[in-house]
Amino acid sequence: MSGVVSLAAAKGSPGVTFLAAALACRLAEGAFDVLAVDADAEDAALAIALGLPDTDAGAALARAAALGVVTPEMLRRVAVPAGRRLWLLESGAALDLGGGALLAAAAEAGFGAVVADLGHLPGRLQRELAAASGWLAWVVMPDRLGLDRADRLLAAPALAAASAGLVFNRVGEHTLKGADRLLSERHRLPILARVPEDRRAARKGPAGPPAKPFRVPVAELARSVLPSAAPAVAAWP
């Protein structure tokens, strides 16, 4: 499936779940169904970011995966509606689930795009999802600590995809000027988007579509990683 986008970060760098939710919501404004996959093995919070209550969908998927049964029908049954043309699949508890089987079922189920939150701890599922992704977006905090963590991670990345790029999150007063371009050149990775820091929007919580300050950079990210969404996204933001 060409419409698979994964997001990950170095441990201790926030923003993966927020951006996965924002990107999934943005793509769901287009002309095809979107599946948001929570594959964060440490802190599965994509449901919260999408404004959903607790569900037992993760347990249901885990039971199916343990039986070796991952079908398009099962996927549609356990995926939770998260908005117009958007569904959430909580897969963190499905330890026996293979990324290839999951994405094959998603394609057969009619999902035109899959956005996977891989979190910070790569395991088998996270590696397989990344390997099958058209893009892997590394989320980086542009302050001194975040850039150092990203630099060390990207020197020997545990995840690999067809294409990879950088998303700088919370760009603001603590950003080290010029360091983003330096990191990009050092690891030969394009900068996909720069997401500004907005304290007022952050206090309102991450639930739902991205707030106004984030719509332009999230649209840029969507165009970069999934150009097939055009022309549906041509009018964004």
Protein backbone atom coordinates (compact mmCIF):
# COMPACT_ATOMS: atom_id res chain seq x y z
CA MET A 1 0.00 0.00 0.00
CA SER A 2 1.54 3.30 -1.07
CA GLY A 3 -0.57 5.47 1.24
CA VAL A 4 1.11 4.43 4.49
CA VAL A 5 2.73 7.12 6.63
CA SER A 6 4.45 6.38 9.94
CA LEU A 7 5.57 8.82 12.61
CA ALA A 8 8.21 8.14 15.25
CA ALA A 9 10.67 9.99 17.47
CA ALA A 10 13.61 9.52 19.77
CA LYS A 11 12.62 8.55 23.30
CA GLY A 12 11.79 11.63 25.32
CA SER A 13 10.77 13.71 22.30
CA PRO A 14 7.05 14.55 22.40
CA GLY A 15 4.70 15.28 19.54
CA VAL A 16 4.36 11.98 17.66
CA THR A 17 0.80 11.26 18.79
CA PHE A 18 -0.36 14.85 18.35
CA LEU A 19 0.99 14.99 14.79
CA ALA A 20 -0.31 11.52 13.89
CA ALA A 21 -3.80 12.59 14.99
CA ALA A 22 -3.54 15.92 13.17
CA LEU A 23 -2.29 14.31 9.96
CA ALA A 24 -4.98 11.60 10.03
CA CYS A 25 -7.71 14.20 10.56
CA ARG A 26 -6.30 16.31 7.73
CA LEU A 27 -6.15 13.41 5.28
CA ALA A 28 -9.69 12.38 6.22
CA GLU A 29 -10.86 15.72 4.81
CA GLY A 30 -9.96 14.31 1.38
CA ALA A 31 -11.66 11.77 -0.82
CA PHE A 32 -10.77 8.48 0.84
CA ASP A 33 -11.08 6.60 4.13
CA VAL A 34 -8.19 6.92 6.57
CA LEU A 35 -7.09 4.41 9.21
CA ALA A 36 -5.13 5.81 12.16
CA VAL A 37 -3.09 3.04 13.79
CA ASP A 38 -1.91 3.42 17.38
CA ALA A 39 1.21 1.26 17.49
CA ASP A 40 2.86 3.06 20.39
CA ALA A 41 3.97 0.21 22.64
CA GLU A 42 4.79 2.51 25.56
CA ASP A 43 2.10 5.17 25.76
CA ALA A 44 -0.88 4.50 23.51
CA ALA A 45 -2.76 7.81 23.52
CA LEU A 46 -3.98 8.27 19.96
CA ALA A 47 -7.60 7.76 21.03
CA ILE A 48 -7.26 10.66 23.47
CA ALA A 49 -5.65 12.83 20.81
CA LEU A 50 -8.59 12.11 18.52
CA GLY A 51 -11.08 12.95 21.27
CA LEU A 52 -12.34 9.39 21.73
CA PRO A 53 -13.30 7.66 25.00
CA ASP A 54 -11.65 4.43 26.13
CA THR A 55 -12.55 1.43 23.98
CA ASP A 56 -11.84 -2.31 24.05
CA ALA A 57 -10.86 -2.33 20.38
CA GLY A 58 -7.23 -3.04 21.21
CA ALA A 59 -8.17 -6.18 23.13
CA ALA A 60 -10.46 -7.32 20.31
CA LEU A 61 -7.68 -6.90 17.78
CA ALA A 62 -5.23 -8.72 20.07
CA ARG A 63 -7.58 -11.71 20.30
CA ALA A 64 -7.94 -11.84 16.52
CA ALA A 65 -4.20 -11.49 15.98
CA ALA A 66 -3.48 -14.30 18.46
CA LEU A 67 -5.67 -16.57 16.34
CA GLY A 68 -3.81 -15.54 13.23
CA VAL A 69 -6.93 -13.98 11.75
CA VAL A 70 -6.60 -10.48 10.35
CA THR A 71 -9.23 -9.95 7.68
CA PRO A 72 -10.68 -6.80 6.11
CA GLU A 73 -14.01 -7.59 7.76
CA MET A 74 -12.43 -7.98 11.18
CA LEU A 75 -10.49 -4.76 10.70
CA ARG A 76 -13.61 -2.79 9.88
CA ARG A 77 -15.35 -4.36 12.87
CA VAL A 78 -12.73 -3.49 15.49
CA ALA A 79 -11.72 -0.09 14.09
CA VAL A 80 -13.41 2.73 15.99
CA PRO A 81 -15.06 5.60 14.08
CA ALA A 82 -13.12 8.77 14.87
CA GLY A 83 -14.75 11.24 12.50
CA ARG A 84 -15.88 11.55 8.93
CA ARG A 85 -13.88 9.04 6.87
CA LEU A 86 -11.55 8.41 9.81
CA TRP A 87 -11.16 5.26 11.92
CA LEU A 88 -8.82 4.34 14.77
CA LEU A 89 -7.15 0.97 15.26
CA GLU A 90 -5.50 0.40 18.64
CA SER A 91 -2.85 -2.26 18.05
CA GLY A 92 -0.43 -1.83 20.96
CA ALA A 93 -1.75 -4.90 22.80
CA ALA A 94 -1.66 -7.13 19.70
CA LEU A 95 1.84 -8.51 20.27
CA ASP A 96 1.45 -11.25 17.64
CA LEU A 97 0.19 -8.91 14.95
CA GLY A 98 2.32 -8.58 11.83
CA GLY A 99 2.52 -5.20 10.14
CA GLY A 100 2.32 -6.70 6.66
CA ALA A 101 -0.89 -8.59 7.43
CA LEU A 102 -2.42 -5.52 9.02
CA LEU A 103 -1.68 -3.27 6.05
CA ALA A 104 -2.84 -5.87 3.53
CA ALA A 105 -6.14 -6.13 5.37
CA ALA A 106 -6.42 -2.34 5.52
CA ALA A 107 -5.94 -2.09 1.75
CA GLU A 108 -8.57 -4.77 1.11
CA ALA A 109 -10.92 -3.02 3.52
CA GLY A 110 -10.81 0.07 1.33
CA PHE A 111 -8.65 2.40 3.40
CA GLY A 112 -6.90 4.80 1.05
CA ALA A 113 -4.40 5.94 3.67
CA VAL A 114 -2.93 4.60 6.90
CA VAL A 115 -1.27 6.87 9.47
CA ALA A 116 0.69 4.94 12.11
CA ASP A 117 1.86 6.32 15.45
CA LEU A 118 4.97 4.22 16.18
CA GLY A 119 5.93 6.03 19.37
CA HIS A 120 9.49 5.69 20.67
CA LEU A 121 10.10 1.96 21.27
CA PRO A 122 10.46 -0.05 18.05
CA GLY A 123 9.43 -3.70 18.12
CA ARG A 124 8.44 -6.17 15.43
CA LEU A 125 5.13 -4.48 14.62
CA GLN A 126 6.68 -1.01 14.51
CA ARG A 127 9.55 -2.17 12.28
CA GLU A 128 7.19 -3.90 9.85
CA LEU A 129 4.86 -0.92 9.66
CA ALA A 130 7.79 1.41 9.01
CA ALA A 131 9.26 -0.90 6.36
CA ALA A 132 5.95 -0.92 4.49
CA SER A 133 5.49 2.84 4.73
CA GLY A 134 5.89 5.20 1.84
CA TRP A 135 7.14 7.78 4.36
CA LEU A 136 8.55 7.72 7.86
CA ALA A 137 8.37 11.13 9.53
CA TRP A 138 10.84 11.63 12.37
CA VAL A 139 9.40 14.13 14.85
CA VAL A 140 12.08 16.37 16.35
CA MET A 141 11.99 19.00 19.08
CA PRO A 142 14.22 21.83 17.78
CA ASP A 143 15.81 22.67 21.13
CA ARG A 144 19.28 21.56 22.16
CA LEU A 145 18.18 18.34 23.90
CA GLY A 146 15.70 17.33 21.22
CA LEU A 147 18.19 17.87 18.42
CA ASP A 148 20.86 15.89 20.25
CA ARG A 149 18.46 12.98 20.79
CA ALA A 150 17.43 13.04 17.13
CA ASP A 151 21.02 13.23 15.94
CA ARG A 152 22.02 10.15 17.93
CA LEU A 153 18.93 8.22 16.81
CA LEU A 154 19.32 9.06 13.15
CA ALA A 155 22.96 8.00 13.19
CA ALA A 156 21.75 4.40 13.52
CA PRO A 157 17.96 4.40 13.03
CA ALA A 158 16.07 1.37 14.33
CA LEU A 159 13.32 1.96 11.77
CA ALA A 160 13.54 2.27 8.00
CA ALA A 161 11.05 3.12 5.27
CA ALA A 162 10.99 3.82 1.54
CA SER A 163 11.46 7.52 2.30
CA ALA A 164 12.11 9.42 5.51
CA GLY A 165 12.01 13.06 6.51
CA LEU A 166 12.02 15.43 9.46
CA VAL A 167 9.13 17.24 11.14
CA PHE A 168 10.21 19.91 13.59
CA ASN A 169 7.59 20.26 16.31
CA ARG A 170 7.09 23.22 18.69
CA VAL A 171 9.19 25.62 16.70
CA GLY A 172 9.44 28.77 18.80
CA GLU A 173 11.62 30.74 21.19
CA HIS A 174 13.70 27.71 22.22
CA THR A 175 14.54 26.71 18.65
CA LEU A 176 18.25 26.66 17.84
CA LYS A 177 18.46 28.75 14.70
CA GLY A 178 19.97 26.94 11.75
CA ALA A 179 20.15 23.62 13.59
CA ASP A 180 17.19 22.23 11.66
CA ARG A 181 18.95 22.68 8.34
CA LEU A 182 22.16 21.28 9.80
CA LEU A 183 20.38 18.13 11.02
CA SER A 184 18.67 17.77 7.66
CA GLU A 185 21.93 18.04 5.74
CA ARG A 186 23.87 15.84 8.15
CA HIS A 187 21.46 12.92 7.75
CA ARG A 188 20.34 13.73 4.20
CA LEU A 189 16.69 13.95 5.17
CA PRO A 190 14.24 16.51 3.81
CA ILE A 191 12.34 18.81 6.16
CA LEU A 192 8.69 17.91 5.68
CA ALA A 193 7.15 20.54 7.96
CA ARG A 194 7.84 22.96 10.79
CA VAL A 195 5.04 23.01 13.36
CA PRO A 196 4.90 26.14 15.52
CA GLU A 197 4.61 26.21 19.28
CA ASP A 198 1.24 27.53 20.42
CA ARG A 199 0.71 27.45 24.16
CA ARG A 200 -2.92 28.56 24.02
CA ALA A 201 -3.86 25.81 21.58
CA ALA A 202 -1.94 23.24 23.64
CA ARG A 203 -3.89 24.16 26.78
CA LYS A 204 -7.14 23.39 24.98
CA GLY A 205 -6.04 19.80 24.51
CA PRO A 206 -5.14 17.85 21.36
CA ALA A 207 -8.57 16.30 20.69
CA GLY A 208 -10.09 16.69 17.25
CA PRO A 209 -8.81 18.35 14.08
CA PRO A 210 -5.69 20.53 14.31
CA ALA A 211 -6.24 24.05 15.62
CA LYS A 212 -5.78 26.99 13.26
CA PRO A 213 -2.05 27.65 13.97
CA PHE A 214 -1.27 24.07 12.97
CA ARG A 215 -3.38 23.73 9.83
CA VAL A 216 -0.82 25.13 7.40
CA PRO A 217 2.16 22.99 8.54
CA VAL A 218 0.00 19.86 8.82
CA ALA A 219 -1.28 20.51 5.29
CA GLU A 220 2.34 20.84 4.14
CA LEU A 221 3.14 17.53 5.80
CA ALA A 222 0.13 15.86 4.15
CA ARG A 223 1.14 17.11 0.71
CA SER A 224 4.73 15.95 1.24
CA VAL A 225 3.97 12.40 2.36
CA LEU A 226 0.83 11.69 0.37
CA PRO A 227 0.73 13.66 -2.89
CA SER A 228 -1.92 11.24 -4.17
CA ALA A 229 -4.34 13.09 -1.89
CA ALA A 230 -4.24 15.98 -4.37
CA PRO A 231 -6.28 17.61 -5.77
CA ALA A 232 -8.54 16.95 -2.79
CA VAL A 233 -6.13 18.89 -0.59
CA ALA A 234 -5.28 21.56 -3.14
CA ALA A 235 -7.38 24.14 -1.30
CA TRP A 236 -5.79 23.44 2.09
CA PRO A 237 -5.63 25.10 4.48
